[in-house]
Amino acid sequence: MARPREFDKQAAIETTMQVFWEKGYKATSIGDLITATGLKPGSIYSAFCNKRTLFLLALETYCEKLQQAIYPILDADKPAKEVIYEFFNCFLNDLNSTPQGCFLVNTLFETPQSDGEVLEKVHAQFSAIEQKFMHLLERARSEGHLAPNLDPEIQSKLLINLIYGLRGYSKTQPNQPSLCELKNEFLRTLFP
């Protein structure tokens, strides 16, 4: 009879998520994961098979945590314009607390086009957020707040690009007032 695992698998995934988030997939070694979790190599391989499987589980865990953090903001029962402003205010606060960036954006930029499995997971997450933005912008139009010449579908894609852009820009220009000005300038084009 096999000996039962004596560690919390989910805790190990969350610990390795932090390592992958800070170092990226390629730069993270099995040794880094062993050091971070305190597990023996045999335990890691027995529980997770390999580094890639562990990375995919870490990415999935990050996506679940991200949804738990942002969906309540995006689904709030408030005027859509207010929801979008609140989302981006929270987003800018998050930029300060996560200097390592967004695990999803980091993964997107690190992953080669040939790795469809990882890119599909990242795309699915951003696509879900984009859909929420589009519904909010449609609501903003019906509430009389969205500029009438703007297409909610295109603008929702631009809001996703604002996320990418602010994440990237914050790594070279971490000045919070500048980031806030960029965010406000963009949102003023939506809600004049």
C-alpha atoms as a PDB file:
ATOM      1  CA  MET A   1       0.000   0.000   0.000  1.00  0.00           C
ATOM      2  CA  ALA A   2       1.316   3.441  -0.946  1.00  0.00           C
ATOM      3  CA  ARG A   3       2.171   5.839   1.818  1.00  0.00           C
ATOM      4  CA  PRO A   4      -0.253   8.817   1.890  1.00  0.00           C
ATOM      5  CA  ARG A   5       1.114  12.215   0.966  1.00  0.00           C
ATOM      6  CA  GLU A   6       1.946  14.246   4.010  1.00  0.00           C
ATOM      7  CA  PHE A   7       1.532  17.692   2.537  1.00  0.00           C
ATOM      8  CA  ASP A   8      -1.238  20.000   1.454  1.00  0.00           C
ATOM      9  CA  LYS A   9      -1.304  19.814  -2.336  1.00  0.00           C
ATOM     10  CA  GLN A  10      -3.182  23.109  -2.759  1.00  0.00           C
ATOM     11  CA  ALA A  11      -0.751  24.917  -0.454  1.00  0.00           C
ATOM     12  CA  ALA A  12       2.131  23.572  -2.550  1.00  0.00           C
ATOM     13  CA  ILE A  13       0.448  24.826  -5.722  1.00  0.00           C
ATOM     14  CA  GLU A  14      -0.062  28.271  -4.201  1.00  0.00           C
ATOM     15  CA  THR A  15       3.564  28.417  -3.066  1.00  0.00           C
ATOM     16  CA  THR A  16       4.833  27.426  -6.499  1.00  0.00           C
ATOM     17  CA  MET A  17       2.453  29.962  -8.056  1.00  0.00           C
ATOM     18  CA  GLN A  18       4.396  32.693  -6.252  1.00  0.00           C
ATOM     19  CA  VAL A  19       7.700  31.338  -7.573  1.00  0.00           C
ATOM     20  CA  PHE A  20       6.452  31.107 -11.168  1.00  0.00           C
ATOM     21  CA  TRP A  21       4.881  34.553 -10.833  1.00  0.00           C
ATOM     22  CA  GLU A  22       8.132  36.151  -9.713  1.00  0.00           C
ATOM     23  CA  LYS A  23      10.589  34.244 -11.902  1.00  0.00           C
ATOM     24  CA  GLY A  24       8.540  33.106 -14.897  1.00  0.00           C
ATOM     25  CA  TYR A  25       8.173  29.555 -16.148  1.00  0.00           C
ATOM     26  CA  LYS A  26      11.497  29.241 -17.970  1.00  0.00           C
ATOM     27  CA  ALA A  27      13.636  30.726 -15.206  1.00  0.00           C
ATOM     28  CA  THR A  28      12.036  28.570 -12.498  1.00  0.00           C
ATOM     29  CA  SER A  29      13.874  25.341 -11.829  1.00  0.00           C
ATOM     30  CA  ILE A  30      12.635  22.265 -10.022  1.00  0.00           C
ATOM     31  CA  GLY A  31      15.219  23.196  -7.385  1.00  0.00           C
ATOM     32  CA  ASP A  32      13.455  26.559  -6.904  1.00  0.00           C
ATOM     33  CA  LEU A  33      10.157  24.739  -6.410  1.00  0.00           C
ATOM     34  CA  ILE A  34      11.714  22.266  -3.973  1.00  0.00           C
ATOM     35  CA  THR A  35      13.241  25.127  -1.970  1.00  0.00           C
ATOM     36  CA  ALA A  36       9.987  27.104  -1.910  1.00  0.00           C
ATOM     37  CA  THR A  37       7.749  24.200  -0.914  1.00  0.00           C
ATOM     38  CA  GLY A  38      10.185  22.300   1.278  1.00  0.00           C
ATOM     39  CA  LEU A  39       9.122  19.130  -0.533  1.00  0.00           C
ATOM     40  CA  LYS A  40      11.419  16.386  -1.713  1.00  0.00           C
ATOM     41  CA  PRO A  41      11.783  15.902  -5.488  1.00  0.00           C
ATOM     42  CA  GLY A  42       9.975  12.547  -5.300  1.00  0.00           C
ATOM     43  CA  SER A  43       6.969  14.170  -3.628  1.00  0.00           C
ATOM     44  CA  ILE A  44       6.742  16.843  -6.321  1.00  0.00           C
ATOM     45  CA  TYR A  45       7.036  14.339  -9.160  1.00  0.00           C
ATOM     46  CA  SER A  46       4.641  11.901  -7.500  1.00  0.00           C
ATOM     47  CA  ALA A  47       1.981  14.549  -6.887  1.00  0.00           C
ATOM     48  CA  PHE A  48       2.389  16.700  -9.999  1.00  0.00           C
ATOM     49  CA  CYS A  49       4.332  14.633 -12.579  1.00  0.00           C
ATOM     50  CA  ASN A  50       6.471  17.518 -13.857  1.00  0.00           C
ATOM     51  CA  LYS A  51       7.164  21.249 -13.763  1.00  0.00           C
ATOM     52  CA  ARG A  52       4.741  22.017 -16.605  1.00  0.00           C
ATOM     53  CA  THR A  53       1.796  20.315 -14.887  1.00  0.00           C
ATOM     54  CA  LEU A  54       2.579  22.225 -11.712  1.00  0.00           C
ATOM     55  CA  PHE A  55       2.796  25.471 -13.698  1.00  0.00           C
ATOM     56  CA  LEU A  56      -0.600  24.855 -15.308  1.00  0.00           C
ATOM     57  CA  LEU A  57      -2.118  24.182 -11.875  1.00  0.00           C
ATOM     58  CA  ALA A  58      -0.500  27.361 -10.532  1.00  0.00           C
ATOM     59  CA  LEU A  59      -1.874  29.351 -13.473  1.00  0.00           C
ATOM     60  CA  GLU A  60      -5.339  27.898 -12.888  1.00  0.00           C
ATOM     61  CA  THR A  61      -5.132  28.796  -9.190  1.00  0.00           C
ATOM     62  CA  TYR A  62      -4.102  32.351 -10.074  1.00  0.00           C
ATOM     63  CA  CYS A  63      -7.055  32.654 -12.467  1.00  0.00           C
ATOM     64  CA  GLU A  64      -9.464  31.486  -9.761  1.00  0.00           C
ATOM     65  CA  LYS A  65      -8.058  34.017  -7.288  1.00  0.00           C
ATOM     66  CA  LEU A  66      -8.212  36.753  -9.914  1.00  0.00           C
ATOM     67  CA  GLN A  67     -11.869  35.999 -10.604  1.00  0.00           C
ATOM     68  CA  GLN A  68     -12.655  36.058  -6.882  1.00  0.00           C
ATOM     69  CA  ALA A  69     -10.997  39.467  -6.622  1.00  0.00           C
ATOM     70  CA  ILE A  70     -12.334  41.251  -9.692  1.00  0.00           C
ATOM     71  CA  TYR A  71     -15.679  39.694 -10.608  1.00  0.00           C
ATOM     72  CA  PRO A  72     -17.462  41.185  -7.584  1.00  0.00           C
ATOM     73  CA  ILE A  73     -16.206  44.618  -8.696  1.00  0.00           C
ATOM     74  CA  LEU A  74     -17.272  44.104 -12.321  1.00  0.00           C
ATOM     75  CA  ASP A  75     -20.630  42.605 -11.331  1.00  0.00           C
ATOM     76  CA  ALA A  76     -21.527  45.339  -8.833  1.00  0.00           C
ATOM     77  CA  ASP A  77     -25.043  46.755  -9.007  1.00  0.00           C
ATOM     78  CA  LYS A  78     -23.966  50.331  -9.724  1.00  0.00           C
ATOM     79  CA  PRO A  79     -23.965  52.547 -12.815  1.00  0.00           C
ATOM     80  CA  ALA A  80     -21.632  50.963 -15.384  1.00  0.00           C
ATOM     81  CA  LYS A  81     -19.412  54.050 -15.646  1.00  0.00           C
ATOM     82  CA  GLU A  82     -18.850  53.930 -11.883  1.00  0.00           C
ATOM     83  CA  VAL A  83     -18.037  50.200 -12.013  1.00  0.00           C
ATOM     84  CA  ILE A  84     -15.393  50.714 -14.709  1.00  0.00           C
ATOM     85  CA  TYR A  85     -13.771  53.599 -12.820  1.00  0.00           C
ATOM     86  CA  GLU A  86     -13.792  51.554  -9.619  1.00  0.00           C
ATOM     87  CA  PHE A  87     -12.235  48.577 -11.409  1.00  0.00           C
ATOM     88  CA  PHE A  88      -9.366  50.674 -12.759  1.00  0.00           C
ATOM     89  CA  ASN A  89      -8.835  52.419  -9.408  1.00  0.00           C
ATOM     90  CA  CYS A  90      -8.495  48.986  -7.781  1.00  0.00           C
ATOM     91  CA  PHE A  91      -6.272  47.897 -10.653  1.00  0.00           C
ATOM     92  CA  LEU A  92      -3.904  50.835 -10.066  1.00  0.00           C
ATOM     93  CA  ASN A  93      -3.778  50.064  -6.340  1.00  0.00           C
ATOM     94  CA  ASP A  94      -2.887  46.485  -7.253  1.00  0.00           C
ATOM     95  CA  LEU A  95       0.000  47.726  -9.411  1.00  0.00           C
ATOM     96  CA  ASN A  96       1.663  49.059  -6.266  1.00  0.00           C
ATOM     97  CA  SER A  97       1.138  45.873  -4.294  1.00  0.00           C
ATOM     98  CA  THR A  98       2.337  43.512  -7.051  1.00  0.00           C
ATOM     99  CA  PRO A  99       5.630  44.844  -8.408  1.00  0.00           C
ATOM    100  CA  GLN A 100       6.211  41.457 -10.056  1.00  0.00           C
ATOM    101  CA  GLY A 101       3.325  42.323 -12.384  1.00  0.00           C
ATOM    102  CA  CYS A 102       0.332  40.240 -13.342  1.00  0.00           C
ATOM    103  CA  PHE A 103       0.959  36.506 -13.585  1.00  0.00           C
ATOM    104  CA  LEU A 104      -1.323  36.342 -16.641  1.00  0.00           C
ATOM    105  CA  VAL A 105       0.353  39.214 -18.488  1.00  0.00           C
ATOM    106  CA  ASN A 106       3.821  37.906 -17.577  1.00  0.00           C
ATOM    107  CA  THR A 107       2.842  34.463 -18.851  1.00  0.00           C
ATOM    108  CA  LEU A 108       1.397  35.918 -22.032  1.00  0.00           C
ATOM    109  CA  PHE A 109       4.623  37.755 -22.852  1.00  0.00           C
ATOM    110  CA  GLU A 110       6.861  34.808 -21.938  1.00  0.00           C
ATOM    111  CA  THR A 111       4.941  32.078 -23.772  1.00  0.00           C
ATOM    112  CA  PRO A 112       5.849  31.290 -27.385  1.00  0.00           C
ATOM    113  CA  GLN A 113       3.075  31.173 -29.983  1.00  0.00           C
ATOM    114  CA  SER A 114       3.646  27.445 -30.339  1.00  0.00           C
ATOM    115  CA  ASP A 115       2.373  26.789 -26.800  1.00  0.00           C
ATOM    116  CA  GLY A 116      -1.329  26.837 -27.551  1.00  0.00           C
ATOM    117  CA  GLU A 117      -2.351  25.208 -24.269  1.00  0.00           C
ATOM    118  CA  VAL A 118      -0.951  27.977 -22.074  1.00  0.00           C
ATOM    119  CA  LEU A 119      -1.980  30.770 -24.437  1.00  0.00           C
ATOM    120  CA  GLU A 120      -5.523  29.406 -24.542  1.00  0.00           C
ATOM    121  CA  LYS A 121      -5.768  29.549 -20.728  1.00  0.00           C
ATOM    122  CA  VAL A 122      -4.535  33.147 -20.701  1.00  0.00           C
ATOM    123  CA  HIS A 123      -6.801  34.095 -23.604  1.00  0.00           C
ATOM    124  CA  ALA A 124      -9.845  32.536 -21.926  1.00  0.00           C
ATOM    125  CA  GLN A 125      -9.267  34.600 -18.796  1.00  0.00           C
ATOM    126  CA  PHE A 126      -8.850  37.901 -20.633  1.00  0.00           C
ATOM    127  CA  SER A 127     -11.744  37.051 -22.945  1.00  0.00           C
ATOM    128  CA  ALA A 128     -14.041  36.595 -19.942  1.00  0.00           C
ATOM    129  CA  ILE A 129     -12.977  39.992 -18.561  1.00  0.00           C
ATOM    130  CA  GLU A 130     -13.415  41.562 -21.998  1.00  0.00           C
ATOM    131  CA  GLN A 131     -16.977  40.203 -22.159  1.00  0.00           C
ATOM    132  CA  LYS A 132     -17.723  41.750 -18.776  1.00  0.00           C
ATOM    133  CA  PHE A 133     -16.340  45.087 -20.041  1.00  0.00           C
ATOM    134  CA  MET A 134     -18.469  44.854 -23.172  1.00  0.00           C
ATOM    135  CA  HIS A 135     -21.637  44.253 -21.145  1.00  0.00           C
ATOM    136  CA  LEU A 136     -20.734  47.154 -18.863  1.00  0.00           C
ATOM    137  CA  LEU A 137     -20.165  49.432 -21.857  1.00  0.00           C
ATOM    138  CA  GLU A 138     -23.489  48.396 -23.385  1.00  0.00           C
ATOM    139  CA  ARG A 139     -25.092  49.225 -20.067  1.00  0.00           C
ATOM    140  CA  ALA A 140     -23.218  52.537 -19.930  1.00  0.00           C
ATOM    141  CA  ARG A 141     -24.630  53.364 -23.363  1.00  0.00           C
ATOM    142  CA  SER A 142     -28.183  52.631 -22.199  1.00  0.00           C
ATOM    143  CA  GLU A 143     -27.523  54.748 -19.087  1.00  0.00           C
ATOM    144  CA  GLY A 144     -26.453  57.631 -21.339  1.00  0.00           C
ATOM    145  CA  HIS A 145     -22.796  57.658 -20.259  1.00  0.00           C
ATOM    146  CA  LEU A 146     -20.928  56.096 -23.198  1.00  0.00           C
ATOM    147  CA  ALA A 147     -19.971  58.427 -26.031  1.00  0.00           C
ATOM    148  CA  PRO A 148     -22.516  57.622 -28.784  1.00  0.00           C
ATOM    149  CA  ASN A 149     -19.924  57.138 -31.541  1.00  0.00           C
ATOM    150  CA  LEU A 150     -18.095  54.368 -29.648  1.00  0.00           C
ATOM    151  CA  ASP A 151     -18.607  50.652 -30.236  1.00  0.00           C
ATOM    152  CA  PRO A 152     -18.767  48.731 -26.913  1.00  0.00           C
ATOM    153  CA  GLU A 153     -17.091  45.679 -28.455  1.00  0.00           C
ATOM    154  CA  ILE A 154     -14.079  47.652 -29.721  1.00  0.00           C
ATOM    155  CA  GLN A 155     -13.874  49.696 -26.521  1.00  0.00           C
ATOM    156  CA  SER A 156     -13.880  46.539 -24.383  1.00  0.00           C
ATOM    157  CA  LYS A 157     -10.829  45.343 -26.355  1.00  0.00           C
ATOM    158  CA  LEU A 158      -9.187  48.712 -25.743  1.00  0.00           C
ATOM    159  CA  LEU A 159      -9.868  48.378 -22.004  1.00  0.00           C
ATOM    160  CA  ILE A 160      -8.033  45.020 -22.053  1.00  0.00           C
ATOM    161  CA  ASN A 161      -5.189  46.759 -23.876  1.00  0.00           C
ATOM    162  CA  LEU A 162      -5.215  49.448 -21.199  1.00  0.00           C
ATOM    163  CA  ILE A 163      -4.617  46.687 -18.646  1.00  0.00           C
ATOM    164  CA  TYR A 164      -1.681  45.314 -20.671  1.00  0.00           C
ATOM    165  CA  GLY A 165      -0.313  48.798 -21.252  1.00  0.00           C
ATOM    166  CA  LEU A 166      -0.551  50.011 -17.666  1.00  0.00           C
ATOM    167  CA  ARG A 167       1.021  46.757 -16.426  1.00  0.00           C
ATOM    168  CA  GLY A 168       3.935  47.121 -18.824  1.00  0.00           C
ATOM    169  CA  TYR A 169       4.334  50.861 -18.325  1.00  0.00           C
ATOM    170  CA  SER A 170       4.306  50.521 -14.546  1.00  0.00           C
ATOM    171  CA  LYS A 171       7.444  48.370 -14.715  1.00  0.00           C
ATOM    172  CA  THR A 172       9.434  51.213 -16.254  1.00  0.00           C
ATOM    173  CA  GLN A 173       7.473  54.172 -14.873  1.00  0.00           C
ATOM    174  CA  PRO A 174       6.045  53.180 -11.487  1.00  0.00           C
ATOM    175  CA  ASN A 175       4.888  56.738 -10.728  1.00  0.00           C
ATOM    176  CA  GLN A 176       1.315  56.305  -9.474  1.00  0.00           C
ATOM    177  CA  PRO A 177       0.129  59.830 -10.394  1.00  0.00           C
ATOM    178  CA  SER A 178       1.289  59.340 -14.012  1.00  0.00           C
ATOM    179  CA  LEU A 179      -0.472  55.986 -14.232  1.00  0.00           C
ATOM    180  CA  CYS A 180      -3.622  57.541 -12.792  1.00  0.00           C
ATOM    181  CA  GLU A 181      -3.459  60.350 -15.375  1.00  0.00           C
ATOM    182  CA  LEU A 182      -3.136  57.826 -18.211  1.00  0.00           C
ATOM    183  CA  LYS A 183      -6.094  55.847 -16.879  1.00  0.00           C
ATOM    184  CA  ASN A 184      -8.226  58.963 -16.449  1.00  0.00           C
ATOM    185  CA  GLU A 185      -7.345  60.305 -19.891  1.00  0.00           C
ATOM    186  CA  PHE A 186      -8.385  57.057 -21.530  1.00  0.00           C
ATOM    187  CA  LEU A 187     -11.618  56.745 -19.565  1.00  0.00           C
ATOM    188  CA  ARG A 188     -12.524  60.346 -20.432  1.00  0.00           C
ATOM    189  CA  THR A 189     -12.627  59.284 -24.096  1.00  0.00           C
ATOM    190  CA  LEU A 190     -15.270  56.707 -23.158  1.00  0.00           C
ATOM    191  CA  PHE A 191     -17.265  58.891 -20.817  1.00  0.00           C
ATOM    192  CA  PRO A 192     -16.917  62.544 -21.934  1.00  0.00           C
END
